Amino acid sequence: MYSCCMLRVFSLLALFLAVNPVLSAIPSKSFEQLSREADAARQAERLNDAITLYRAGVQLRPGWGEGWWALGTLLYDQDRFPEAENAFRRFVAVTPAPGSADAFLGLCEYETQEYDRALRHFRLWARNGWTGTAQLIDVSVFHFALLLTHEGRFVEALYLLSTEASKVGNTPAISEAMGLASLRMRSLPEDYPPERRELVWLAGQAAFYAAELQHDLARADEYATRMESRYNETADVHYFRGTLFTFENKSNEAEREFREELRVSPTHVPAMLGVVNIALDGNRLTEAASLAKRATEIEPNNPEAHHLWGRVLMATGKFQESAQELRRAKQLAPDGAMIRSHLAMVYSRLGRTQEAKAEADAFLTLKAKQGVLAPPEEKTRHDVKRSGEAK
């Protein structure tokens, strides 16, 4: 009985090797032969053979970075994301400068719904210079933005999506992604309610036309007006409209929309901070103080709430309290350039010269950074102010 079973096993193995000549020849090949044949198979687009050969090559030589990279990209192109993810992890482990492997890892982890890990890899990729082919960069930036929206980093997501929109145009995917971020919906395109699709589309169209490179504010207003008329009582609609008016340097209209948002959503901290910014500019310090303090109470870990509360305290001459709030903002957002700038001002008022200089130097360093690592909301405020000065 045992002999009969073993004979059947060996017969099946012989048949399998007969129809897989690449695999049957592998055990007798050297690493050099495998690597040459793997490269040749890939160039000839015999992709399954190439995958088999690269697998054999990395088994013989686990430190073969080129083999892990080739294996990962081949598996990724075949949508075999868990296997590709493992190959890229091995590539990173044996390569001093993994380059765009972190982007591939982020894309694989997005597909396997490991969203936190994907976001970490996209951030690491961004810190290391956004490397890769133009196609990889576009796909990675788009998915990075989707995950930033999912995490609640809406301004950063819109900053990246606006960059992509300038390249690919007004596609349904870009519009949907911009709509989700504009409405502060912590959702991915595949998982939000179908009944909200029109709302998301209208917001996405308004955001697309308001983006800096499109800058068709008349079209943006057209879609925003349609959105507001149909969804007047929906949370975040008035806040988004207020941000559009901010881009247009229409402070009165923006404040009206932020206050409408607070009517619909009384604890809406971003709308509160929108009013605080306008009140600060108008030197309405009592009103600004009330809203800024309340914002920190509702969201004690919101760096911008502490930042604005610190600014209000500085404007009212309460420098010690201001420094305390700004230090808290700095702790929550160490890359916030404007936080460091205002902290430098407060330290200067307090006569703390060395600390003022250190914060001023940090401000200059952070302002020189590009991309997500320099908070896009600060760039946005700078761009809005600059466009207003140009008019």
Protein backbone atom coordinates (compact mmCIF):
# COMPACT_ATOMS: atom_id res chain seq x y z
CA MET A 1 0.00 0.00 0.00
CA TYR A 2 2.80 2.43 0.96
CA SER A 3 4.73 1.56 -2.22
CA CYS A 4 1.63 2.07 -4.33
CA CYS A 5 0.97 5.53 -2.82
CA MET A 6 4.56 6.63 -3.24
CA LEU A 7 4.57 5.46 -6.86
CA ARG A 8 1.49 7.59 -7.49
CA VAL A 9 3.15 10.63 -5.87
CA PHE A 10 6.30 10.26 -7.92
CA SER A 11 4.24 9.82 -11.09
CA LEU A 12 2.35 13.05 -10.41
CA LEU A 13 5.59 14.88 -9.66
CA ALA A 14 7.13 13.65 -12.91
CA LEU A 15 4.06 14.82 -14.81
CA PHE A 16 4.20 18.24 -13.10
CA LEU A 17 7.88 18.69 -13.93
CA ALA A 18 7.28 17.58 -17.49
CA VAL A 19 4.77 20.39 -18.09
CA ASN A 20 6.95 22.90 -16.16
CA PRO A 21 10.34 22.57 -17.86
CA VAL A 22 11.64 25.75 -16.22
CA LEU A 23 10.95 24.41 -12.74
CA SER A 24 12.27 20.93 -13.55
CA ALA A 25 15.63 22.35 -14.64
CA ILE A 26 16.10 24.71 -11.68
CA PRO A 27 17.69 22.37 -9.11
CA SER A 28 20.73 21.79 -11.31
CA LYS A 29 21.33 25.46 -12.14
CA SER A 30 23.76 27.84 -10.56
CA PHE A 31 22.74 31.24 -9.26
CA GLU A 32 24.44 32.91 -12.23
CA GLN A 33 22.43 30.79 -14.68
CA LEU A 34 19.19 31.50 -12.83
CA SER A 35 19.74 35.25 -12.78
CA ARG A 36 20.57 35.35 -16.50
CA GLU A 37 17.59 33.22 -17.47
CA ALA A 38 15.25 35.16 -15.17
CA ASP A 39 16.27 38.44 -16.80
CA ALA A 40 15.89 36.91 -20.26
CA ALA A 41 12.44 35.54 -19.44
CA ARG A 42 11.34 38.90 -18.16
CA GLN A 43 12.61 40.71 -21.26
CA ALA A 44 10.80 38.16 -23.44
CA GLU A 45 7.62 38.76 -21.37
CA ARG A 46 7.49 35.13 -20.22
CA LEU A 47 6.39 36.49 -16.90
CA ASN A 48 5.38 33.29 -15.11
CA ASP A 49 8.73 31.70 -16.04
CA ALA A 50 10.50 34.87 -14.84
CA ILE A 51 8.70 34.73 -11.50
CA THR A 52 9.66 31.07 -11.05
CA LEU A 53 13.29 31.76 -11.90
CA TYR A 54 13.56 34.84 -9.68
CA ARG A 55 12.02 32.87 -6.80
CA ALA A 56 14.65 30.20 -7.24
CA GLY A 57 17.38 32.82 -7.45
CA VAL A 58 16.46 34.54 -4.19
CA GLN A 59 16.20 31.16 -2.48
CA LEU A 60 19.78 30.41 -3.49
CA ARG A 61 20.95 33.93 -2.61
CA PRO A 62 18.57 35.67 -0.14
CA GLY A 63 20.61 38.87 -0.27
CA TRP A 64 19.98 39.34 -4.02
CA GLY A 65 18.28 42.71 -3.97
CA GLU A 66 17.77 42.94 -7.74
CA GLY A 67 15.99 39.60 -7.66
CA TRP A 68 13.62 40.65 -4.87
CA TRP A 69 12.90 43.90 -6.71
CA ALA A 70 12.17 42.15 -10.01
CA LEU A 71 10.02 39.56 -8.25
CA GLY A 72 8.08 42.26 -6.40
CA THR A 73 7.35 44.32 -9.51
CA LEU A 74 6.30 41.27 -11.54
CA LEU A 75 3.94 40.09 -8.81
CA TYR A 76 2.57 43.62 -8.35
CA ASP A 77 1.82 43.89 -12.08
CA GLN A 78 -0.18 40.66 -11.79
CA ASP A 79 -2.17 42.04 -8.83
CA ARG A 80 -0.65 39.43 -6.52
CA PHE A 81 -0.33 42.00 -3.78
CA PRO A 82 0.41 39.87 -0.67
CA GLU A 83 3.24 38.08 -2.51
CA ALA A 84 4.54 41.36 -3.94
CA GLU A 85 4.47 42.93 -0.50
CA ASN A 86 6.63 40.12 0.89
CA ALA A 87 9.13 40.52 -1.97
CA PHE A 88 9.42 44.27 -1.44
CA ARG A 89 9.89 43.78 2.28
CA ARG A 90 12.77 41.43 1.57
CA PHE A 91 14.19 43.94 -0.90
CA VAL A 92 14.09 46.71 1.72
CA ALA A 93 15.77 44.42 4.25
CA VAL A 94 18.79 43.79 2.00
CA THR A 95 19.10 47.20 0.31
CA PRO A 96 20.70 50.25 2.00
CA ALA A 97 18.73 52.76 -0.11
CA PRO A 98 15.36 51.16 -0.97
CA GLY A 99 14.17 54.15 -3.04
CA SER A 100 10.68 53.65 -4.38
CA ALA A 101 10.16 50.28 -2.67
CA ASP A 102 8.30 52.09 0.12
CA ALA A 103 5.82 53.39 -2.45
CA PHE A 104 5.25 49.87 -3.75
CA LEU A 105 4.82 48.62 -0.19
CA GLY A 106 2.24 51.35 0.44
CA LEU A 107 0.33 50.38 -2.71
CA CYS A 108 0.37 46.68 -1.84
CA GLU A 109 -0.77 47.38 1.72
CA TYR A 110 -3.55 49.62 0.43
CA GLU A 111 -4.85 46.72 -1.65
CA THR A 112 -4.63 44.31 1.30
CA GLN A 113 -6.39 46.91 3.50
CA GLU A 114 -3.43 47.39 5.84
CA TYR A 115 -4.08 51.11 5.79
CA ASP A 116 -1.98 52.23 8.76
CA ARG A 117 1.07 50.40 7.45
CA ALA A 118 0.47 51.76 3.96
CA LEU A 119 0.33 55.32 5.25
CA ARG A 120 3.59 54.85 7.16
CA HIS A 121 5.30 53.60 4.01
CA PHE A 122 3.96 56.48 1.91
CA ARG A 123 5.24 58.96 4.49
CA LEU A 124 8.64 57.28 4.49
CA TRP A 125 8.67 57.37 0.69
CA ALA A 126 7.84 61.10 0.75
CA ARG A 127 10.60 61.79 3.29
CA ASN A 128 13.08 60.01 1.05
CA GLY A 129 12.34 62.17 -1.98
CA TRP A 130 9.22 60.86 -3.78
CA THR A 131 11.36 58.60 -6.01
CA GLY A 132 10.16 56.42 -8.89
CA THR A 133 8.86 56.55 -12.42
CA ALA A 134 6.28 59.19 -13.33
CA GLN A 135 3.55 56.54 -13.37
CA LEU A 136 4.51 55.14 -9.97
CA ILE A 137 4.64 58.63 -8.47
CA ASP A 138 1.18 59.52 -9.79
CA VAL A 139 -0.42 56.30 -8.55
CA SER A 140 1.33 56.53 -5.18
CA VAL A 141 0.50 60.20 -4.60
CA PHE A 142 -3.17 59.50 -5.38
CA HIS A 143 -3.37 56.59 -2.93
CA PHE A 144 -1.35 58.53 -0.35
CA ALA A 145 -3.98 61.27 -0.59
CA LEU A 146 -6.82 58.77 -0.18
CA LEU A 147 -5.23 57.45 3.01
CA LEU A 148 -4.63 60.95 4.35
CA THR A 149 -8.35 61.59 3.91
CA HIS A 150 -9.10 58.29 5.64
CA GLU A 151 -6.88 59.41 8.55
CA GLY A 152 -8.57 62.83 8.75
CA ARG A 153 -5.69 64.86 7.24
CA PHE A 154 -8.00 66.57 4.76
CA VAL A 155 -5.92 69.63 3.91
CA GLU A 156 -2.84 67.56 3.17
CA ALA A 157 -4.93 65.22 1.02
CA LEU A 158 -6.32 68.13 -0.99
CA TYR A 159 -2.85 69.56 -1.42
CA LEU A 160 -1.65 66.32 -3.02
CA LEU A 161 -4.83 65.83 -5.06
CA SER A 162 -4.60 69.36 -6.45
CA THR A 163 -1.11 68.53 -7.68
CA GLU A 164 -2.37 65.37 -9.35
CA ALA A 165 -5.38 67.16 -10.83
CA SER A 166 -3.04 69.51 -12.66
CA LYS A 167 -1.49 66.46 -14.37
CA VAL A 168 -4.40 64.16 -15.12
CA GLY A 169 -7.28 66.61 -15.36
CA ASN A 170 -10.87 66.33 -14.19
CA THR A 171 -11.20 62.56 -13.99
CA PRO A 172 -13.99 60.84 -12.01
CA ALA A 173 -11.41 59.38 -9.60
CA ILE A 174 -9.79 62.76 -8.91
CA SER A 175 -13.16 64.47 -8.49
CA GLU A 176 -14.40 61.80 -6.08
CA ALA A 177 -11.22 61.91 -4.01
CA MET A 178 -11.28 65.72 -3.84
CA GLY A 179 -14.95 65.64 -2.86
CA LEU A 180 -14.34 63.25 0.02
CA ALA A 181 -11.47 65.37 1.36
CA SER A 182 -13.39 68.64 0.89
CA LEU A 183 -16.35 67.30 2.86
CA ARG A 184 -14.05 65.92 5.57
CA MET A 185 -15.37 62.40 5.03
CA ARG A 186 -12.95 59.86 6.50
CA SER A 187 -13.85 57.35 3.82
CA LEU A 188 -12.24 55.65 0.87
CA PRO A 189 -13.94 55.74 -2.54
CA GLU A 190 -15.17 52.18 -2.12
CA ASP A 191 -16.76 52.51 1.31
CA TYR A 192 -19.01 55.56 1.62
CA PRO A 193 -22.82 55.51 1.28
CA PRO A 194 -24.13 55.55 -2.32
CA GLU A 195 -26.70 58.22 -1.43
CA ARG A 196 -23.86 60.67 -0.84
CA ARG A 197 -22.32 60.26 -4.29
CA GLU A 198 -23.96 63.34 -5.79
CA LEU A 199 -22.86 65.46 -2.84
CA VAL A 200 -19.30 64.16 -3.13
CA TRP A 201 -19.28 64.77 -6.89
CA LEU A 202 -20.50 68.38 -6.53
CA ALA A 203 -17.91 69.10 -3.84
CA GLY A 204 -15.22 67.44 -5.93
CA GLN A 205 -16.05 69.55 -8.97
CA ALA A 206 -15.98 72.73 -6.88
CA ALA A 207 -12.64 71.73 -5.35
CA PHE A 208 -11.17 70.84 -8.74
CA TYR A 209 -12.00 74.20 -10.30
CA ALA A 210 -10.84 76.08 -7.21
CA ALA A 211 -7.44 74.33 -7.26
CA GLU A 212 -4.58 76.71 -7.87
CA LEU A 213 -3.62 75.55 -11.35
CA GLN A 214 -7.23 75.42 -12.58
CA HIS A 215 -8.28 78.50 -10.63
CA ASP A 216 -11.67 78.81 -12.35
CA LEU A 217 -13.47 80.31 -9.38
CA ALA A 218 -16.64 81.02 -11.35
CA ARG A 219 -17.03 77.30 -12.12
CA ALA A 220 -16.11 76.43 -8.54
CA ASP A 221 -18.82 78.76 -7.24
CA GLU A 222 -21.35 77.27 -9.66
CA TYR A 223 -20.87 73.75 -8.30
CA ALA A 224 -20.63 74.97 -4.70
CA THR A 225 -23.93 76.85 -5.04
CA ARG A 226 -25.63 73.73 -6.41
CA MET A 227 -24.17 71.70 -3.56
CA GLU A 228 -25.32 74.17 -0.93
CA SER A 229 -28.85 74.50 -2.34
CA ARG A 230 -29.39 70.72 -2.27
CA TYR A 231 -27.57 69.89 0.97
CA ASN A 232 -28.07 72.99 3.08
CA GLU A 233 -28.48 71.06 6.34
CA THR A 234 -25.66 68.57 5.79
CA ALA A 235 -22.58 68.78 7.99
CA ASP A 236 -19.40 70.19 6.43
CA VAL A 237 -21.16 71.68 3.39
CA HIS A 238 -21.11 75.26 4.74
CA TYR A 239 -17.58 74.81 6.08
CA PHE A 240 -16.35 73.78 2.64
CA ARG A 241 -18.14 76.72 1.07
CA GLY A 242 -16.48 78.97 3.61
CA THR A 243 -13.04 77.67 2.67
CA LEU A 244 -13.79 78.43 -0.99
CA PHE A 245 -14.71 82.00 -0.07
CA THR A 246 -11.46 82.18 1.88
CA PHE A 247 -9.56 81.30 -1.29
CA GLU A 248 -11.43 84.10 -3.02
CA ASN A 249 -10.47 86.55 -0.25
CA LYS A 250 -14.14 87.11 0.59
CA SER A 251 -13.91 87.26 4.37
CA ASN A 252 -17.49 88.35 5.05
CA GLU A 253 -18.94 85.55 2.95
CA ALA A 254 -16.52 83.04 4.46
CA GLU A 255 -17.48 84.04 8.00
CA ARG A 256 -21.16 83.77 7.15
CA GLU A 257 -20.62 80.20 5.92
CA PHE A 258 -18.53 79.22 8.94
CA ARG A 259 -21.29 80.50 11.21
CA GLU A 260 -23.87 78.57 9.19
CA GLU A 261 -21.76 75.47 9.73
CA LEU A 262 -21.82 76.11 13.47
CA ARG A 263 -25.60 76.36 13.29
CA VAL A 264 -25.74 72.93 11.64
CA SER A 265 -22.83 71.44 13.65
CA PRO A 266 -22.37 73.43 16.91
CA THR A 267 -19.12 71.69 17.87
CA HIS A 268 -17.47 71.96 14.44
CA VAL A 269 -13.93 72.99 15.45
CA PRO A 270 -12.60 73.86 11.95
CA ALA A 271 -15.53 76.26 11.46
CA MET A 272 -14.78 77.84 14.85
CA LEU A 273 -11.15 78.29 13.84
CA GLY A 274 -12.25 79.79 10.54
CA VAL A 275 -14.15 82.47 12.45
CA VAL A 276 -11.21 82.94 14.84
CA ASN A 277 -8.85 83.65 11.94
CA ILE A 278 -11.20 86.26 10.52
CA ALA A 279 -11.86 87.79 13.93
CA LEU A 280 -8.11 88.03 14.60
CA ASP A 281 -7.60 89.82 11.30
CA GLY A 282 -10.37 92.23 12.29
CA ASN A 283 -8.96 92.72 15.83
CA ARG A 284 -12.18 91.30 17.36
CA LEU A 285 -10.20 89.74 20.16
CA THR A 286 -12.97 89.03 22.67
CA GLU A 287 -14.92 86.98 20.15
CA ALA A 288 -11.75 85.28 18.89
CA ALA A 289 -10.74 84.36 22.45
CA SER A 290 -14.10 82.79 23.26
CA LEU A 291 -14.14 80.59 20.16
CA ALA A 292 -10.44 79.66 20.27
CA LYS A 293 -10.60 78.58 23.91
CA ARG A 294 -13.74 76.55 23.25
CA ALA A 295 -12.05 74.83 20.29
CA THR A 296 -9.18 73.66 22.53
CA GLU A 297 -11.70 72.29 25.01
CA ILE A 298 -13.60 70.35 22.35
CA GLU A 299 -10.46 69.03 20.64
CA PRO A 300 -7.58 69.20 23.14
CA ASN A 301 -5.21 67.47 20.69
CA ASN A 302 -5.88 69.83 17.80
CA PRO A 303 -2.62 71.73 17.16
CA GLU A 304 -4.26 74.51 15.16
CA ALA A 305 -6.73 75.20 17.99
CA HIS A 306 -3.85 75.69 20.44
CA HIS A 307 -1.96 77.70 17.83
CA LEU A 308 -4.81 80.16 17.34
CA TRP A 309 -5.56 80.35 21.05
CA GLY A 310 -1.89 81.16 21.58
CA ARG A 311 -2.08 83.89 18.94
CA VAL A 312 -5.15 85.42 20.60
CA LEU A 313 -3.40 85.40 23.99
CA MET A 314 -0.34 87.03 22.41
CA ALA A 315 -2.54 89.72 20.82
CA THR A 316 -4.06 90.48 24.23
CA GLY A 317 -0.63 90.76 25.89
CA LYS A 318 -0.82 87.49 27.86
CA PHE A 319 2.60 86.30 26.79
CA GLN A 320 3.22 83.59 29.38
CA GLU A 321 -0.14 81.95 28.64
CA SER A 322 0.46 82.39 24.93
CA ALA A 323 3.84 80.64 25.14
CA GLN A 324 2.21 77.74 26.98
CA GLU A 325 -0.43 77.27 24.28
CA LEU A 326 2.07 77.61 21.45
CA ARG A 327 4.38 75.07 23.07
CA ARG A 328 1.43 72.69 23.23
CA ALA A 329 0.75 73.33 19.53
CA LYS A 330 4.42 72.70 18.76
CA GLN A 331 4.31 69.43 20.69
CA LEU A 332 1.30 68.30 18.64
CA ALA A 333 2.66 69.53 15.31
CA PRO A 334 6.46 69.84 15.44
CA ASP A 335 6.62 70.53 11.69
CA GLY A 336 4.26 73.51 11.92
CA ALA A 337 6.34 76.40 10.64
CA MET A 338 3.94 79.18 11.61
CA ILE A 339 3.62 77.77 15.13
CA ARG A 340 7.38 78.14 15.50
CA SER A 341 7.25 81.66 14.07
CA HIS A 342 4.64 82.81 16.58
CA LEU A 343 6.46 81.07 19.41
CA ALA A 344 9.61 82.99 18.43
CA MET A 345 7.60 86.23 18.64
CA VAL A 346 6.29 85.41 22.11
CA TYR A 347 9.73 84.43 23.40
CA SER A 348 11.07 87.70 22.04
CA ARG A 349 8.36 89.62 23.93
CA LEU A 350 9.31 87.71 27.08
CA GLY A 351 12.99 88.55 26.62
CA ARG A 352 13.95 84.91 26.08
CA THR A 353 16.37 85.74 23.28
CA GLN A 354 18.07 82.39 22.74
CA GLU A 355 14.80 80.49 22.63
CA ALA A 356 13.37 83.08 20.26
CA LYS A 357 16.33 82.62 17.92
CA ALA A 358 16.04 78.83 18.04
CA GLU A 359 12.36 78.97 17.10
CA ALA A 360 13.01 81.52 14.36
CA ASP A 361 15.71 79.26 12.90
CA ALA A 362 13.32 76.31 13.07
CA PHE A 363 10.69 78.37 11.27
CA LEU A 364 13.08 79.13 8.40
CA THR A 365 14.12 75.48 8.12
CA LEU A 366 10.54 74.23 8.06
CA LYS A 367 9.40 76.82 5.54
CA ALA A 368 12.11 75.57 3.18
CA LYS A 369 10.70 72.05 3.24
CA GLN A 370 8.49 70.84 0.44
CA GLY A 371 5.60 68.39 0.22
CA VAL A 372 3.55 66.87 3.00
CA LEU A 373 6.30 67.28 5.57
CA ALA A 374 5.76 71.05 5.52
CA PRO A 375 2.10 71.34 6.51
CA PRO A 376 0.16 72.24 3.35
CA GLU A 377 -2.37 74.31 5.31
CA GLU A 378 0.42 76.80 5.94
CA LYS A 379 1.33 76.90 2.27
CA THR A 380 -2.35 77.33 1.45
CA ARG A 381 -2.68 80.30 3.80
CA HIS A 382 0.48 81.80 2.32
CA ASP A 383 -0.80 81.29 -1.23
CA VAL A 384 -4.18 82.85 -0.42
CA LYS A 385 -2.54 85.87 1.19
CA ARG A 386 -0.15 86.23 -1.75
CA SER A 387 -2.96 86.07 -4.31
CA GLY A 388 -4.84 88.71 -2.37
CA GLU A 389 -1.82 91.01 -2.33
CA ALA A 390 -1.44 90.58 -6.09
CA LYS A 391 -4.94 91.87 -6.83
